[in-house]
Amino acid sequence: QVQLVESGGGLVQAGGSLRLSCSASGRTFSGYGMGWFRQAPGKEREFVAAISSSGSRTYFADSVKGRFTISRDNAKNTVYLQMNSLKPEDTAVYYCAARPAVFYSVSSQRDEYDYWGQGTQVTVSS
């Protein structure tokens, strides 16, 4: 089992920045690829970003490419999502998720992730 806890959400004006953190406990963190997803009211949960177990590979949704970065610190069992140039359409609950590592792969597929956090709200005002 892996327990995930997100933090860092909040209210920010358009153009601003936030950094989300996701702390993991349980099994060896470095054995898991990590992802961030988000869900806006009335919409499906969608992929945002992913990072491989070592941190050597990252992958982003087109909607956030160039504005968001994902990183991890395996010594601290934490993955981060740095969000810059935020837009009102980025408003959502953000979830981190973990999937068993497969070499250096990254994935945008929700059903490949076995563990999920409870989510943190991000609200971007115009």
Foldseek 3Di string as FASTA:
>chain_A
DKAKAKDWADEEAAQAKTKMKIAIDDDQLLQKKKFKWWDDPPDDIFGAKIFASVRPDIDGDPVQPPFWDKGDDSVRRMIMIIGGRDDQVVWTWMKMFIAGGDPGDIDGDPVRTDDIYPTDTHGYHD
